[in-house]
């Protein structure tokens, strides 16, 4: 997640795609309550995606 924000701060484009069983993004969603946009969660200009694969 920090890498996403670092890349964006330096002019790049990035998103966070969680494709593992750590469920880290579920904790982020619970703690920060980001906006749900389509199939992603948006927070501070970054998109976060959950995937079952």
C-alpha atoms as a PDB file:
ATOM      1  CA  UNK A   1       0.000   0.000   0.000  1.00  0.00           C
ATOM      2  CA  UNK A   2       2.797   2.427   0.820  1.00  0.00           C
ATOM      3  CA  UNK A   3       4.394   1.622  -2.519  1.00  0.00           C
ATOM      4  CA  UNK A   4       1.182   2.651  -4.325  1.00  0.00           C
ATOM      5  CA  UNK A   5       1.237   6.052  -2.630  1.00  0.00           C
ATOM      6  CA  UNK A   6       4.987   6.468  -3.262  1.00  0.00           C
ATOM      7  CA  UNK A   7       4.611   5.708  -6.989  1.00  0.00           C
ATOM      8  CA  UNK A   8       1.728   8.182  -7.271  1.00  0.00           C
ATOM      9  CA  UNK A   9       3.661  10.858  -5.355  1.00  0.00           C
ATOM     10  CA  UNK A  10       6.459  10.530  -7.906  1.00  0.00           C
ATOM     11  CA  UNK A  11       4.216  10.953 -10.952  1.00  0.00           C
ATOM     12  CA  UNK A  12       3.397   7.313 -11.647  1.00  0.00           C
ATOM     13  CA  UNK A  13       0.160   5.379 -11.743  1.00  0.00           C
ATOM     14  CA  UNK A  14      -0.509   2.401  -9.460  1.00  0.00           C
ATOM     15  CA  UNK A  15      -3.267   0.513  -7.678  1.00  0.00           C
ATOM     16  CA  UNK A  16      -3.333  -2.128  -4.935  1.00  0.00           C
ATOM     17  CA  UNK A  17      -4.602  -5.554  -5.987  1.00  0.00           C
ATOM     18  CA  UNK A  18      -4.902  -8.076  -3.192  1.00  0.00           C
ATOM     19  CA  UNK A  19      -4.724 -11.574  -4.599  1.00  0.00           C
ATOM     20  CA  UNK A  20      -3.671 -13.528  -1.527  1.00  0.00           C
ATOM     21  CA  UNK A  21      -5.179 -14.847   1.676  1.00  0.00           C
ATOM     22  CA  UNK A  22      -3.676 -12.262   4.056  1.00  0.00           C
ATOM     23  CA  UNK A  23      -6.916 -10.211   4.060  1.00  0.00           C
ATOM     24  CA  UNK A  24      -4.858  -7.043   4.675  1.00  0.00           C
ATOM     25  CA  UNK A  25      -7.204  -4.993   2.498  1.00  0.00           C
ATOM     26  CA  UNK A  26     -10.215  -6.105   4.545  1.00  0.00           C
ATOM     27  CA  UNK A  27      -8.520  -4.573   7.618  1.00  0.00           C
ATOM     28  CA  UNK A  28      -7.788  -1.353   5.699  1.00  0.00           C
ATOM     29  CA  UNK A  29     -11.439  -1.119   4.635  1.00  0.00           C
ATOM     30  CA  UNK A  30     -12.593  -1.684   8.208  1.00  0.00           C
ATOM     31  CA  UNK A  31     -10.184   0.898   9.704  1.00  0.00           C
ATOM     32  CA  UNK A  32     -10.342   3.685   7.114  1.00  0.00           C
ATOM     33  CA  UNK A  33     -13.802   3.223   5.546  1.00  0.00           C
ATOM     34  CA  UNK A  34     -12.751   4.165   1.972  1.00  0.00           C
ATOM     35  CA  UNK A  35     -15.321   5.048  -0.675  1.00  0.00           C
ATOM     36  CA  UNK A  36     -16.687   2.091  -2.704  1.00  0.00           C
ATOM     37  CA  UNK A  37     -16.371   2.868  -6.435  1.00  0.00           C
ATOM     38  CA  UNK A  38     -17.522   0.051  -8.722  1.00  0.00           C
ATOM     39  CA  UNK A  39     -15.525  -3.041  -7.785  1.00  0.00           C
ATOM     40  CA  UNK A  40     -12.796  -1.026  -6.037  1.00  0.00           C
ATOM     41  CA  UNK A  41     -12.307   1.021  -2.904  1.00  0.00           C
ATOM     42  CA  UNK A  42     -10.857   4.513  -3.369  1.00  0.00           C
ATOM     43  CA  UNK A  43      -8.731   6.296  -0.801  1.00  0.00           C
ATOM     44  CA  UNK A  44      -6.469   9.333  -1.253  1.00  0.00           C
ATOM     45  CA  UNK A  45      -6.501   8.968  -5.033  1.00  0.00           C
ATOM     46  CA  UNK A  46      -5.589   5.255  -4.988  1.00  0.00           C
ATOM     47  CA  UNK A  47      -7.809   2.324  -5.971  1.00  0.00           C
ATOM     48  CA  UNK A  48      -7.804  -0.918  -3.985  1.00  0.00           C
ATOM     49  CA  UNK A  49      -9.168  -4.181  -5.389  1.00  0.00           C
ATOM     50  CA  UNK A  50     -10.078  -7.496  -3.751  1.00  0.00           C
ATOM     51  CA  UNK A  51      -9.966 -10.600  -5.912  1.00  0.00           C
ATOM     52  CA  UNK A  52     -10.775 -14.231  -5.121  1.00  0.00           C
ATOM     53  CA  UNK A  53      -8.048 -15.465  -7.503  1.00  0.00           C
END
